[in-house]
Amino acid sequence: MTAGHICFYVRTPIGRFGGLPSMVRADDLGTIPLRALMAQSADVDWRSMP
């Protein structure tokens, strides 16, 4: 098994209950931190991940 390490962290947008983020689908909201992590880790070959 390949070991994984957490090197960065980011958060999704937050807002009041029923506010703007509630109009965004959960899977679309999840792409925000993933894209940010990928941008911060530009030297990682993301295509080689299992």
Protein backbone atom coordinates (compact mmCIF):
# COMPACT_ATOMS: atom_id res chain seq x y z
CA MET A 1 0.00 0.00 0.00
CA THR A 2 1.26 3.47 -0.86
CA ALA A 3 1.46 5.93 2.03
CA GLY A 4 -0.41 9.20 1.77
CA HIS A 5 0.49 12.47 3.41
CA ILE A 6 -1.49 15.64 3.98
CA CYS A 7 0.68 18.59 2.98
CA PHE A 8 -1.84 21.41 2.62
CA TYR A 9 -5.36 22.16 3.70
CA VAL A 10 -8.06 24.45 2.41
CA ARG A 11 -11.69 25.04 3.30
CA THR A 12 -14.84 25.32 1.28
CA PRO A 13 -16.74 28.61 1.32
CA ILE A 14 -19.07 29.07 4.25
CA GLY A 15 -22.13 31.21 4.56
CA ARG A 16 -25.33 31.57 6.48
CA PHE A 17 -27.88 28.76 6.39
CA GLY A 18 -29.77 28.94 3.10
CA GLY A 19 -27.23 31.41 1.68
CA LEU A 20 -25.25 31.28 -1.55
CA PRO A 21 -23.37 27.99 -0.97
CA SER A 22 -26.72 26.22 -0.49
CA MET A 23 -27.44 26.88 -4.18
CA VAL A 24 -24.27 24.99 -5.24
CA ARG A 25 -24.34 21.22 -5.65
CA ALA A 26 -22.24 19.32 -3.10
CA ASP A 27 -19.99 17.76 -5.74
CA ASP A 28 -19.38 21.17 -7.34
CA LEU A 29 -18.62 22.65 -3.92
CA GLY A 30 -16.10 19.86 -3.33
CA THR A 31 -14.13 20.78 -6.44
CA ILE A 32 -13.21 24.19 -4.98
CA PRO A 33 -10.74 22.91 -2.36
CA LEU A 34 -9.48 20.15 -4.67
CA ARG A 35 -8.58 22.66 -7.38
CA ALA A 36 -6.91 24.90 -4.80
CA LEU A 37 -4.85 21.98 -3.45
CA MET A 38 -3.82 20.98 -6.95
CA ALA A 39 -2.77 24.56 -7.71
CA GLN A 40 -0.69 24.73 -4.50
CA SER A 41 0.93 21.37 -5.33
CA ALA A 42 1.81 22.02 -8.97
CA ASP A 43 4.87 19.74 -8.74
CA VAL A 44 2.73 16.66 -8.02
CA ASP A 45 1.93 14.38 -10.96
CA TRP A 46 -1.81 14.08 -10.32
CA ARG A 47 -2.35 11.76 -13.28
CA SER A 48 -0.17 9.06 -11.73
CA MET A 49 -2.36 8.80 -8.62
CA PRO A 50 -4.20 5.44 -8.29
